[in-house]
Amino acid sequence: MARAGEKMTLLDGKSIDMHTRTLVIADAQKPLALAGVMGGEGSGVTDNTKNIFLECAFFAPLAVAGRARDYGLHTDSSHRLSAAWIRPCKPKPWSAQRNCCSICVVARPDR
């Protein structure tokens, strides 16, 4: 959860003041993303990116919708995840592996 008064700059450049009921993806020092809504500025991928961390998680759909609404964010991620309460889906054990394979095909590490 975010700490009281914690701030984060998102991928779209918007800076937000988080409240304590906000679920975040974080390392030991700082939040990296709003869970299920949008990544932080430092999580973007560029042509110079060498390492990727693949996050595989399930977030409560209504919580994602609520946090996106709290911050005035309407992202592909939040729409897809908040719609899961309409079309519930069971996490697949092979989904992380499939996503890794897709990244390797697109990134073409052999170049």
PDB file of N, CA and C in Angstrom:
ATOM      1  N   MET A   1       0.845  -1.181   0.000  1.00  0.00           N
ATOM      2  CA  MET A   1       0.000   0.000   0.000  1.00  0.00           C
ATOM      3  C   MET A   1       0.890   1.245   0.000  1.00  0.00           C
ATOM      4  N   ALA A   2       0.376   2.301  -0.586  1.00  0.00           N
ATOM      5  CA  ALA A   2       1.109   3.563  -0.603  1.00  0.00           C
ATOM      6  C   ALA A   2       1.216   4.108   0.822  1.00  0.00           C
ATOM      7  N   ARG A   3       2.265   4.843   1.054  1.00  0.00           N
ATOM      8  CA  ARG A   3       2.439   5.506   2.349  1.00  0.00           C
ATOM      9  C   ARG A   3       1.788   6.877   2.293  1.00  0.00           C
ATOM     10  N   ALA A   4       1.332   7.371   3.422  1.00  0.00           N
ATOM     11  CA  ALA A   4       0.711   8.692   3.487  1.00  0.00           C
ATOM     12  C   ALA A   4       1.659   9.740   2.919  1.00  0.00           C
ATOM     13  N   GLY A   5       1.157  10.568   2.001  1.00  0.00           N
ATOM     14  CA  GLY A   5       1.947  11.647   1.427  1.00  0.00           C
ATOM     15  C   GLY A   5       2.903  11.237   0.319  1.00  0.00           C
ATOM     16  N   GLU A   6       2.916   9.956  -0.035  1.00  0.00           N
ATOM     17  CA  GLU A   6       3.822   9.480  -1.080  1.00  0.00           C
ATOM     18  C   GLU A   6       3.366  10.008  -2.440  1.00  0.00           C
ATOM     19  N   LYS A   7       4.339  10.372  -3.277  1.00  0.00           N
ATOM     20  CA  LYS A   7       4.055  10.895  -4.610  1.00  0.00           C
ATOM     21  C   LYS A   7       4.664   9.969  -5.653  1.00  0.00           C
ATOM     22  N   MET A   8       4.092  10.011  -6.848  1.00  0.00           N
ATOM     23  CA  MET A   8       4.655   9.226  -7.942  1.00  0.00           C
ATOM     24  C   MET A   8       4.331   9.921  -9.257  1.00  0.00           C
ATOM     25  N   THR A   9       5.280   9.860 -10.192  1.00  0.00           N
ATOM     26  CA  THR A   9       5.040  10.345 -11.547  1.00  0.00           C
ATOM     27  C   THR A   9       4.752   9.125 -12.402  1.00  0.00           C
ATOM     28  N   LEU A  10       3.642   9.176 -13.140  1.00  0.00           N
ATOM     29  CA  LEU A  10       3.183   8.048 -13.946  1.00  0.00           C
ATOM     30  C   LEU A  10       3.794   8.083 -15.352  1.00  0.00           C
ATOM     31  N   LEU A  11       3.588   7.004 -16.087  1.00  0.00           N
ATOM     32  CA  LEU A  11       4.092   6.901 -17.455  1.00  0.00           C
ATOM     33  C   LEU A  11       3.646   8.056 -18.344  1.00  0.00           C
ATOM     34  N   ASP A  12       2.456   8.582 -18.088  1.00  0.00           N
ATOM     35  CA  ASP A  12       1.947   9.685 -18.915  1.00  0.00           C
ATOM     36  C   ASP A  12       2.482  11.046 -18.469  1.00  0.00           C
ATOM     37  N   GLY A  13       3.372  11.053 -17.455  1.00  0.00           N
ATOM     38  CA  GLY A  13       3.964  12.299 -16.972  1.00  0.00           C
ATOM     39  C   GLY A  13       3.178  12.981 -15.871  1.00  0.00           C
ATOM     40  N   LYS A  14       1.992  12.473 -15.571  1.00  0.00           N
ATOM     41  CA  LYS A  14       1.158  13.058 -14.525  1.00  0.00           C
ATOM     42  C   LYS A  14       1.727  12.691 -13.154  1.00  0.00           C
ATOM     43  N   SER A  15       1.857  13.677 -12.282  1.00  0.00           N
ATOM     44  CA  SER A  15       2.332  13.447 -10.922  1.00  0.00           C
ATOM     45  C   SER A  15       1.117  13.352  -9.995  1.00  0.00           C
ATOM     46  N   ILE A  16       1.106  12.328  -9.146  1.00  0.00           N
ATOM     47  CA  ILE A  16      -0.035  12.146  -8.242  1.00  0.00           C
ATOM     48  C   ILE A  16       0.432  12.048  -6.793  1.00  0.00           C
ATOM     49  N   ASP A  17      -0.426  12.517  -5.895  1.00  0.00           N
ATOM     50  CA  ASP A  17      -0.243  12.347  -4.453  1.00  0.00           C
ATOM     51  C   ASP A  17      -1.121  11.164  -4.075  1.00  0.00           C
ATOM     52  N   MET A  18      -0.507  10.092  -3.611  1.00  0.00           N
ATOM     53  CA  MET A  18      -1.259   8.874  -3.324  1.00  0.00           C
ATOM     54  C   MET A  18      -1.830   8.884  -1.915  1.00  0.00           C
ATOM     55  N   HIS A  19      -2.938   8.196  -1.749  1.00  0.00           N
ATOM     56  CA  HIS A  19      -3.508   8.023  -0.419  1.00  0.00           C
ATOM     57  C   HIS A  19      -3.245   6.590   0.042  1.00  0.00           C
ATOM     58  N   THR A  20      -3.385   6.356   1.309  1.00  0.00           N
ATOM     59  CA  THR A  20      -2.960   5.089   1.915  1.00  0.00           C
ATOM     60  C   THR A  20      -3.772   3.871   1.510  1.00  0.00           C
ATOM     61  N   ARG A  21      -4.910   4.043   0.853  1.00  0.00           N
ATOM     62  CA  ARG A  21      -5.672   2.871   0.417  1.00  0.00           C
ATOM     63  C   ARG A  21      -5.336   2.473  -1.024  1.00  0.00           C
ATOM     64  N   THR A  22      -4.259   3.045  -1.552  1.00  0.00           N
ATOM     65  CA  THR A  22      -3.843   2.746  -2.920  1.00  0.00           C
ATOM     66  C   THR A  22      -2.842   1.595  -2.933  1.00  0.00           C
ATOM     67  N   LEU A  23      -3.185   0.522  -3.635  1.00  0.00           N
ATOM     68  CA  LEU A  23      -2.280  -0.606  -3.786  1.00  0.00           C
ATOM     69  C   LEU A  23      -1.244  -0.253  -4.847  1.00  0.00           C
ATOM     70  N   VAL A  24       0.020  -0.420  -4.514  1.00  0.00           N
ATOM     71  CA  VAL A  24       1.102  -0.120  -5.444  1.00  0.00           C
ATOM     72  C   VAL A  24       2.009  -1.329  -5.615  1.00  0.00           C
ATOM     73  N   ILE A  25       2.708  -1.347  -6.733  1.00  0.00           N
ATOM     74  CA  ILE A  25       3.806  -2.281  -6.939  1.00  0.00           C
ATOM     75  C   ILE A  25       5.037  -1.478  -6.552  1.00  0.00           C
ATOM     76  N   ALA A  26       5.869  -2.004  -5.656  1.00  0.00           N
ATOM     77  CA  ALA A  26       6.979  -1.208  -5.134  1.00  0.00           C
ATOM     78  C   ALA A  26       8.227  -2.052  -4.938  1.00  0.00           C
ATOM     79  N   ASP A  27       9.370  -1.369  -4.926  1.00  0.00           N
ATOM     80  CA  ASP A  27      10.596  -2.022  -4.488  1.00  0.00           C
ATOM     81  C   ASP A  27      10.835  -1.559  -3.048  1.00  0.00           C
ATOM     82  N   ALA A  28      11.998  -1.769  -2.520  1.00  0.00           N
ATOM     83  CA  ALA A  28      12.258  -1.419  -1.120  1.00  0.00           C
ATOM     84  C   ALA A  28      12.254   0.091  -0.878  1.00  0.00           C
ATOM     85  N   GLN A  29      12.478   0.886  -1.922  1.00  0.00           N
ATOM     86  CA  GLN A  29      12.579   2.333  -1.747  1.00  0.00           C
ATOM     87  C   GLN A  29      11.333   3.128  -2.133  1.00  0.00           C
ATOM     88  N   LYS A  30      10.643   2.715  -3.196  1.00  0.00           N
ATOM     89  CA  LYS A  30       9.593   3.576  -3.725  1.00  0.00           C
ATOM     90  C   LYS A  30       8.547   2.787  -4.507  1.00  0.00           C
ATOM     91  N   PRO A  31       7.387   3.401  -4.737  1.00  0.00           N
ATOM     92  CA  PRO A  31       6.378   2.758  -5.586  1.00  0.00           C
ATOM     93  C   PRO A  31       6.822   2.803  -7.051  1.00  0.00           C
ATOM     94  N   LEU A  32       6.520   1.736  -7.783  1.00  0.00           N
ATOM     95  CA  LEU A  32       6.883   1.645  -9.194  1.00  0.00           C
ATOM     96  C   LEU A  32       5.670   1.753 -10.107  1.00  0.00           C
ATOM     97  N   ALA A  33       4.480   1.432  -9.568  1.00  0.00           N
ATOM     98  CA  ALA A  33       3.260   1.451 -10.380  1.00  0.00           C
ATOM     99  C   ALA A  33       2.033   1.483  -9.492  1.00  0.00           C
ATOM    100  N   LEU A  34       0.929   2.009 -10.035  1.00  0.00           N
ATOM    101  CA  LEU A  34      -0.376   1.880  -9.399  1.00  0.00           C
ATOM    102  C   LEU A  34      -0.910   0.529  -9.840  1.00  0.00           C
ATOM    103  N   ALA A  35      -1.109  -0.368  -8.913  1.00  0.00           N
ATOM    104  CA  ALA A  35      -1.498  -1.744  -9.236  1.00  0.00           C
ATOM    105  C   ALA A  35      -2.728  -1.808 -10.130  1.00  0.00           C
ATOM    106  N   GLY A  36      -2.546  -2.399 -11.307  1.00  0.00           N
ATOM    107  CA  GLY A  36      -3.646  -2.587 -12.234  1.00  0.00           C
ATOM    108  C   GLY A  36      -4.090  -1.361 -12.993  1.00  0.00           C
ATOM    109  N   VAL A  37      -3.436  -0.216 -12.759  1.00  0.00           N
ATOM    110  CA  VAL A  37      -3.879   1.033 -13.387  1.00  0.00           C
ATOM    111  C   VAL A  37      -2.846   1.579 -14.367  1.00  0.00           C
ATOM    112  N   MET A  38      -1.646   1.914 -13.867  1.00  0.00           N
ATOM    113  CA  MET A  38      -0.618   2.479 -14.734  1.00  0.00           C
ATOM    114  C   MET A  38       0.741   2.385 -14.059  1.00  0.00           C
ATOM    115  N   GLY A  39       1.755   2.188 -14.875  1.00  0.00           N
ATOM    116  CA  GLY A  39       3.120   2.131 -14.372  1.00  0.00           C
ATOM    117  C   GLY A  39       3.660   3.512 -14.048  1.00  0.00           C
ATOM    118  N   GLY A  40       4.687   3.509 -13.238  1.00  0.00           N
ATOM    119  CA  GLY A  40       5.376   4.751 -12.926  1.00  0.00           C
ATOM    120  C   GLY A  40       6.327   5.129 -14.047  1.00  0.00           C
ATOM    121  N   GLU A  41       6.786   6.362 -14.012  1.00  0.00           N
ATOM    122  CA  GLU A  41       7.655   6.916 -15.049  1.00  0.00           C
ATOM    123  C   GLU A  41       8.865   6.027 -15.338  1.00  0.00           C
ATOM    124  N   GLY A  42       9.432   5.448 -14.301  1.00  0.00           N
ATOM    125  CA  GLY A  42      10.629   4.623 -14.470  1.00  0.00           C
ATOM    126  C   GLY A  42      10.358   3.240 -15.042  1.00  0.00           C
ATOM    127  N   SER A  43       9.090   2.882 -15.269  1.00  0.00           N
ATOM    128  CA  SER A  43       8.788   1.532 -15.744  1.00  0.00           C
ATOM    129  C   SER A  43       8.620   1.452 -17.262  1.00  0.00           C
ATOM    130  N   GLY A  44       8.831   2.553 -17.949  1.00  0.00           N
ATOM    131  CA  GLY A  44       8.689   2.570 -19.400  1.00  0.00           C
ATOM    132  C   GLY A  44       9.809   1.793 -20.094  1.00  0.00           C
ATOM    133  N   VAL A  45       9.530   1.339 -21.293  1.00  0.00           N
ATOM    134  CA  VAL A  45      10.497   0.592 -22.094  1.00  0.00           C
ATOM    135  C   VAL A  45      10.914   1.451 -23.273  1.00  0.00           C
ATOM    136  N   THR A  46      12.222   1.514 -23.544  1.00  0.00           N
ATOM    137  CA  THR A  46      12.754   2.271 -24.678  1.00  0.00           C
ATOM    138  C   THR A  46      13.638   1.360 -25.522  1.00  0.00           C
ATOM    139  N   ASP A  47      14.175   1.891 -26.593  1.00  0.00           N
ATOM    140  CA  ASP A  47      15.105   1.125 -27.424  1.00  0.00           C
ATOM    141  C   ASP A  47      16.367   0.734 -26.663  1.00  0.00           C
ATOM    142  N   ASN A  48      16.654   1.444 -25.575  1.00  0.00           N
ATOM    143  CA  ASN A  48      17.853   1.163 -24.776  1.00  0.00           C
ATOM    144  C   ASN A  48      17.603   0.209 -23.616  1.00  0.00           C
ATOM    145  N   THR A  49      16.372  -0.250 -23.439  1.00  0.00           N
ATOM    146  CA  THR A  49      16.035  -1.144 -22.340  1.00  0.00           C
ATOM    147  C   THR A  49      16.772  -2.469 -22.487  1.00  0.00           C
ATOM    148  N   LYS A  50      17.398  -2.905 -21.413  1.00  0.00           N
ATOM    149  CA  LYS A  50      18.143  -4.172 -21.407  1.00  0.00           C
ATOM    150  C   LYS A  50      17.444  -5.252 -20.593  1.00  0.00           C
ATOM    151  N   ASN A  51      16.706  -4.867 -19.555  1.00  0.00           N
ATOM    152  CA  ASN A  51      16.044  -5.820 -18.669  1.00  0.00           C
ATOM    153  C   ASN A  51      14.576  -5.469 -18.518  1.00  0.00           C
ATOM    154  N   ILE A  52      13.756  -6.507 -18.445  1.00  0.00           N
ATOM    155  CA  ILE A  52      12.320  -6.325 -18.242  1.00  0.00           C
ATOM    156  C   ILE A  52      11.890  -7.212 -17.074  1.00  0.00           C
ATOM    157  N   PHE A  53      11.085  -6.632 -16.195  1.00  0.00           N
ATOM    158  CA  PHE A  53      10.486  -7.380 -15.097  1.00  0.00           C
ATOM    159  C   PHE A  53       9.030  -7.586 -15.467  1.00  0.00           C
ATOM    160  N   LEU A  54       8.605  -8.822 -15.564  1.00  0.00           N
ATOM    161  CA  LEU A  54       7.232  -9.129 -15.936  1.00  0.00           C
ATOM    162  C   LEU A  54       6.402  -9.357 -14.679  1.00  0.00           C
ATOM    163  N   GLU A  55       5.409  -8.523 -14.498  1.00  0.00           N
ATOM    164  CA  GLU A  55       4.514  -8.616 -13.342  1.00  0.00           C
ATOM    165  C   GLU A  55       3.301  -9.457 -13.726  1.00  0.00           C
ATOM    166  N   CYS A  56       3.044 -10.497 -12.965  1.00  0.00           N
ATOM    167  CA  CYS A  56       1.856 -11.327 -13.165  1.00  0.00           C
ATOM    168  C   CYS A  56       1.090 -11.344 -11.852  1.00  0.00           C
ATOM    169  N   ALA A  57      -0.079 -10.738 -11.870  1.00  0.00           N
ATOM    170  CA  ALA A  57      -0.835 -10.619 -10.628  1.00  0.00           C
ATOM    171  C   ALA A  57      -2.321 -10.559 -10.928  1.00  0.00           C
ATOM    172  N   PHE A  58      -3.096 -10.766  -9.892  1.00  0.00           N
ATOM    173  CA  PHE A  58      -4.537 -10.580  -9.994  1.00  0.00           C
ATOM    174  C   PHE A  58      -4.935  -9.517  -8.986  1.00  0.00           C
ATOM    175  N   PHE A  59      -5.673  -8.513  -9.446  1.00  0.00           N
ATOM    176  CA  PHE A  59      -6.153  -7.445  -8.575  1.00  0.00           C
ATOM    177  C   PHE A  59      -7.677  -7.470  -8.574  1.00  0.00           C
ATOM    178  N   ALA A  60      -8.265  -7.196  -7.440  1.00  0.00           N
ATOM    179  CA  ALA A  60      -9.724  -7.164  -7.332  1.00  0.00           C
ATOM    180  C   ALA A  60     -10.278  -6.145  -8.329  1.00  0.00           C
ATOM    181  N   PRO A  61     -11.111  -6.590  -9.264  1.00  0.00           N
ATOM    182  CA  PRO A  61     -11.604  -5.718 -10.329  1.00  0.00           C
ATOM    183  C   PRO A  61     -12.258  -4.420  -9.858  1.00  0.00           C
ATOM    184  N   LEU A  62     -13.104  -4.503  -8.847  1.00  0.00           N
ATOM    185  CA  LEU A  62     -13.773  -3.283  -8.388  1.00  0.00           C
ATOM    186  C   LEU A  62     -12.796  -2.335  -7.698  1.00  0.00           C
ATOM    187  N   ALA A  63     -11.764  -2.873  -7.063  1.00  0.00           N
ATOM    188  CA  ALA A  63     -10.739  -2.025  -6.442  1.00  0.00           C
ATOM    189  C   ALA A  63      -9.959  -1.277  -7.519  1.00  0.00           C
ATOM    190  N   VAL A  64      -9.627  -1.970  -8.612  1.00  0.00           N
ATOM    191  CA  VAL A  64      -8.908  -1.324  -9.721  1.00  0.00           C
ATOM    192  C   VAL A  64      -9.766  -0.191 -10.291  1.00  0.00           C
ATOM    193  N   ALA A  65     -11.026  -0.466 -10.520  1.00  0.00           N
ATOM    194  CA  ALA A  65     -11.927   0.560 -11.056  1.00  0.00           C
ATOM    195  C   ALA A  65     -12.006   1.758 -10.112  1.00  0.00           C
ATOM    196  N   GLY A  66     -12.082   1.485  -8.822  1.00  0.00           N
ATOM    197  CA  GLY A  66     -12.164   2.557  -7.831  1.00  0.00           C
ATOM    198  C   GLY A  66     -10.920   3.414  -7.782  1.00  0.00           C
ATOM    199  N   ARG A  67      -9.743   2.792  -7.805  1.00  0.00           N
ATOM    200  CA  ARG A  67      -8.495   3.561  -7.760  1.00  0.00           C
ATOM    201  C   ARG A  67      -8.318   4.369  -9.046  1.00  0.00           C
ATOM    202  N   ALA A  68      -8.625   3.772 -10.183  1.00  0.00           N
ATOM    203  CA  ALA A  68      -8.517   4.512 -11.447  1.00  0.00           C
ATOM    204  C   ALA A  68      -9.416   5.752 -11.396  1.00  0.00           C
ATOM    205  N   ARG A  69     -10.612   5.575 -10.901  1.00  0.00           N
ATOM    206  CA  ARG A  69     -11.575   6.681 -10.793  1.00  0.00           C
ATOM    207  C   ARG A  69     -11.069   7.730  -9.796  1.00  0.00           C
ATOM    208  N   ASP A  70     -10.517   7.286  -8.654  1.00  0.00           N
ATOM    209  CA  ASP A  70      -9.996   8.223  -7.643  1.00  0.00           C
ATOM    210  C   ASP A  70      -8.968   9.180  -8.235  1.00  0.00           C
ATOM    211  N   TYR A  71      -8.145   8.677  -9.135  1.00  0.00           N
ATOM    212  CA  TYR A  71      -7.066   9.485  -9.707  1.00  0.00           C
ATOM    213  C   TYR A  71      -7.412  10.060 -11.081  1.00  0.00           C
ATOM    214  N   GLY A  72      -8.640   9.839 -11.540  1.00  0.00           N
ATOM    215  CA  GLY A  72      -9.044  10.359 -12.839  1.00  0.00           C
ATOM    216  C   GLY A  72      -8.292   9.711 -13.986  1.00  0.00           C
ATOM    217  N   LEU A  73      -7.937   8.439 -13.825  1.00  0.00           N
ATOM    218  CA  LEU A  73      -7.186   7.711 -14.851  1.00  0.00           C
ATOM    219  C   LEU A  73      -8.080   6.676 -15.511  1.00  0.00           C
ATOM    220  N   HIS A  74      -8.099   6.692 -16.809  1.00  0.00           N
ATOM    221  CA  HIS A  74      -8.879   5.716 -17.565  1.00  0.00           C
ATOM    222  C   HIS A  74      -7.919   5.081 -18.552  1.00  0.00           C
ATOM    223  N   THR A  75      -7.314   3.974 -18.151  1.00  0.00           N
ATOM    224  CA  THR A  75      -6.271   3.337 -18.950  1.00  0.00           C
ATOM    225  C   THR A  75      -6.760   2.011 -19.513  1.00  0.00           C
ATOM    226  N   ASP A  76      -6.071   1.523 -20.547  1.00  0.00           N
ATOM    227  CA  ASP A  76      -6.399   0.208 -21.098  1.00  0.00           C
ATOM    228  C   ASP A  76      -6.352  -0.841 -19.999  1.00  0.00           C
ATOM    229  N   SER A  77      -5.322  -0.766 -19.177  1.00  0.00           N
ATOM    230  CA  SER A  77      -5.156  -1.738 -18.099  1.00  0.00           C
ATOM    231  C   SER A  77      -6.323  -1.705 -17.119  1.00  0.00           C
ATOM    232  N   SER A  78      -6.675  -0.526 -16.645  1.00  0.00           N
ATOM    233  CA  SER A  78      -7.759  -0.448 -15.652  1.00  0.00           C
ATOM    234  C   SER A  78      -9.097  -0.877 -16.247  1.00  0.00           C
ATOM    235  N   HIS A  79      -9.337  -0.558 -17.511  1.00  0.00           N
ATOM    236  CA  HIS A  79     -10.595  -0.981 -18.145  1.00  0.00           C
ATOM    237  C   HIS A  79     -10.644  -2.497 -18.293  1.00  0.00           C
ATOM    238  N   ARG A  80      -9.523  -3.079 -18.737  1.00  0.00           N
ATOM    239  CA  ARG A  80      -9.467  -4.535 -18.933  1.00  0.00           C
ATOM    240  C   ARG A  80      -9.635  -5.257 -17.598  1.00  0.00           C
ATOM    241  N   LEU A  81      -8.925  -4.793 -16.580  1.00  0.00           N
ATOM    242  CA  LEU A  81      -8.975  -5.468 -15.281  1.00  0.00           C
ATOM    243  C   LEU A  81     -10.293  -5.231 -14.548  1.00  0.00           C
ATOM    244  N   SER A  82     -10.851  -4.038 -14.654  1.00  0.00           N
ATOM    245  CA  SER A  82     -12.111  -3.788 -13.948  1.00  0.00           C
ATOM    246  C   SER A  82     -13.280  -4.485 -14.629  1.00  0.00           C
ATOM    247  N   ALA A  83     -13.141  -4.852 -15.896  1.00  0.00           N
ATOM    248  CA  ALA A  83     -14.197  -5.592 -16.593  1.00  0.00           C
ATOM    249  C   ALA A  83     -14.204  -7.064 -16.188  1.00  0.00           C
ATOM    250  N   ALA A  84     -13.173  -7.503 -15.470  1.00  0.00           N
ATOM    251  CA  ALA A  84     -13.089  -8.915 -15.080  1.00  0.00           C
ATOM    252  C   ALA A  84     -14.244  -9.338 -14.181  1.00  0.00           C
ATOM    253  N   TRP A  85     -14.871  -8.410 -13.478  1.00  0.00           N
ATOM    254  CA  TRP A  85     -16.017  -8.800 -12.643  1.00  0.00           C
ATOM    255  C   TRP A  85     -17.218  -9.145 -13.511  1.00  0.00           C
ATOM    256  N   ILE A  86     -17.243  -8.628 -14.756  1.00  0.00           N
ATOM    257  CA  ILE A  86     -18.316  -8.969 -15.690  1.00  0.00           C
ATOM    258  C   ILE A  86     -18.016 -10.318 -16.343  1.00  0.00           C
ATOM    259  N   ARG A  87     -16.760 -10.489 -16.768  1.00  0.00           N
ATOM    260  CA  ARG A  87     -16.316 -11.728 -17.409  1.00  0.00           C
ATOM    261  C   ARG A  87     -15.195 -12.329 -16.555  1.00  0.00           C
ATOM    262  N   PRO A  88     -15.538 -12.955 -15.442  1.00  0.00           N
ATOM    263  CA  PRO A  88     -14.487 -13.483 -14.568  1.00  0.00           C
ATOM    264  C   PRO A  88     -13.613 -14.480 -15.312  1.00  0.00           C
ATOM    265  N   CYS A  89     -12.331 -14.391 -15.049  1.00  0.00           N
ATOM    266  CA  CYS A  89     -11.419 -15.344 -15.675  1.00  0.00           C
ATOM    267  C   CYS A  89     -10.500 -15.913 -14.601  1.00  0.00           C
ATOM    268  N   LYS A  90     -10.154 -17.126 -14.777  1.00  0.00           N
ATOM    269  CA  LYS A  90      -9.284 -17.812 -13.843  1.00  0.00           C
ATOM    270  C   LYS A  90      -7.840 -17.635 -14.326  1.00  0.00           C
ATOM    271  N   PRO A  91      -6.927 -17.205 -13.448  1.00  0.00           N
ATOM    272  CA  PRO A  91      -5.532 -17.076 -13.875  1.00  0.00           C
ATOM    273  C   PRO A  91      -5.005 -18.415 -14.406  1.00  0.00           C
ATOM    274  N   LYS A  92      -4.287 -18.358 -15.478  1.00  0.00           N
ATOM    275  CA  LYS A  92      -3.718 -19.553 -16.096  1.00  0.00           C
ATOM    276  C   LYS A  92      -2.257 -19.706 -15.679  1.00  0.00           C
ATOM    277  N   PRO A  93      -1.852 -20.904 -15.256  1.00  0.00           N
ATOM    278  CA  PRO A  93      -0.479 -21.096 -14.787  1.00  0.00           C
ATOM    279  C   PRO A  93       0.566 -20.862 -15.878  1.00  0.00           C
ATOM    280  N   TRP A  94       0.192 -20.974 -17.135  1.00  0.00           N
ATOM    281  CA  TRP A  94       1.133 -20.819 -18.230  1.00  0.00           C
ATOM    282  C   TRP A  94       1.189 -19.395 -18.778  1.00  0.00           C
ATOM    283  N   SER A  95       0.388 -18.481 -18.246  1.00  0.00           N
ATOM    284  CA  SER A  95       0.308 -17.146 -18.838  1.00  0.00           C
ATOM    285  C   SER A  95       1.623 -16.372 -18.757  1.00  0.00           C
ATOM    286  N   ALA A  96       2.360 -16.481 -17.668  1.00  0.00           N
ATOM    287  CA  ALA A  96       3.642 -15.768 -17.560  1.00  0.00           C
ATOM    288  C   ALA A  96       4.627 -16.284 -18.598  1.00  0.00           C
ATOM    289  N   GLN A  97       4.673 -17.597 -18.777  1.00  0.00           N
ATOM    290  CA  GLN A  97       5.579 -18.176 -19.770  1.00  0.00           C
ATOM    291  C   GLN A  97       5.203 -17.721 -21.183  1.00  0.00           C
ATOM    292  N   ARG A  98       3.929 -17.710 -21.473  1.00  0.00           N
ATOM    293  CA  ARG A  98       3.470 -17.278 -22.802  1.00  0.00           C
ATOM    294  C   ARG A  98       3.831 -15.816 -23.058  1.00  0.00           C
ATOM    295  N   ASN A  99       3.677 -14.971 -22.040  1.00  0.00           N
ATOM    296  CA  ASN A  99       4.038 -13.561 -22.189  1.00  0.00           C
ATOM    297  C   ASN A  99       5.540 -13.393 -22.390  1.00  0.00           C
ATOM    298  N   CYS A 100       6.341 -14.163 -21.674  1.00  0.00           N
ATOM    299  CA  CYS A 100       7.802 -14.106 -21.858  1.00  0.00           C
ATOM    300  C   CYS A 100       8.173 -14.482 -23.290  1.00  0.00           C
ATOM    301  N   CYS A 101       7.552 -15.516 -23.820  1.00  0.00           N
ATOM    302  CA  CYS A 101       7.816 -15.935 -25.202  1.00  0.00           C
ATOM    303  C   CYS A 101       7.437 -14.833 -26.178  1.00  0.00           C
ATOM    304  N   SER A 102       6.315 -14.182 -25.954  1.00  0.00           N
ATOM    305  CA  SER A 102       5.885 -13.087 -26.830  1.00  0.00           C
ATOM    306  C   SER A 102       6.880 -11.935 -26.800  1.00  0.00           C
ATOM    307  N   ILE A 103       7.372 -11.597 -25.618  1.00  0.00           N
ATOM    308  CA  ILE A 103       8.360 -10.523 -25.498  1.00  0.00           C
ATOM    309  C   ILE A 103       9.625 -10.884 -26.273  1.00  0.00           C
ATOM    310  N   CYS A 104      10.066 -12.120 -26.155  1.00  0.00           N
ATOM    311  CA  CYS A 104      11.274 -12.546 -26.860  1.00  0.00           C
ATOM    312  C   CYS A 104      11.091 -12.493 -28.383  1.00  0.00           C
ATOM    313  N   VAL A 105       9.916 -12.846 -28.857  1.00  0.00           N
ATOM    314  CA  VAL A 105       9.663 -12.787 -30.300  1.00  0.00           C
ATOM    315  C   VAL A 105       9.697 -11.343 -30.789  1.00  0.00           C
ATOM    316  N   VAL A 106       9.065 -10.448 -30.051  1.00  0.00           N
ATOM    317  CA  VAL A 106       9.014  -9.043 -30.451  1.00  0.00           C
ATOM    318  C   VAL A 106      10.376  -8.367 -30.280  1.00  0.00           C
ATOM    319  N   ALA A 107      11.046  -8.639 -29.175  1.00  0.00           N
ATOM    320  CA  ALA A 107      12.319  -7.983 -28.879  1.00  0.00           C
ATOM    321  C   ALA A 107      13.470  -8.546 -29.715  1.00  0.00           C
ATOM    322  N   ARG A 108      13.329  -9.737 -30.201  1.00  0.00           N
ATOM    323  CA  ARG A 108      14.366 -10.416 -31.002  1.00  0.00           C
ATOM    324  C   ARG A 108      15.754 -10.279 -30.359  1.00  0.00           C
ATOM    325  N   PRO A 109      15.957 -10.948 -29.237  1.00  0.00           N
ATOM    326  CA  PRO A 109      17.234 -10.844 -28.521  1.00  0.00           C
ATOM    327  C   PRO A 109      18.438 -11.336 -29.329  1.00  0.00           C
ATOM    328  N   ASP A 110      18.196 -12.005 -30.462  1.00  0.00           N
ATOM    329  CA  ASP A 110      19.301 -12.505 -31.279  1.00  0.00           C
ATOM    330  C   ASP A 110      19.971 -11.398 -32.094  1.00  0.00           C
ATOM    331  N   ARG A 111      19.395 -10.188 -32.084  1.00  0.00           N
ATOM    332  CA  ARG A 111      19.982  -9.098 -32.868  1.00  0.00           C
ATOM    333  C   ARG A 111      21.161  -8.487 -32.170  1.00  0.00           C
TER     334      ARG A 111
END
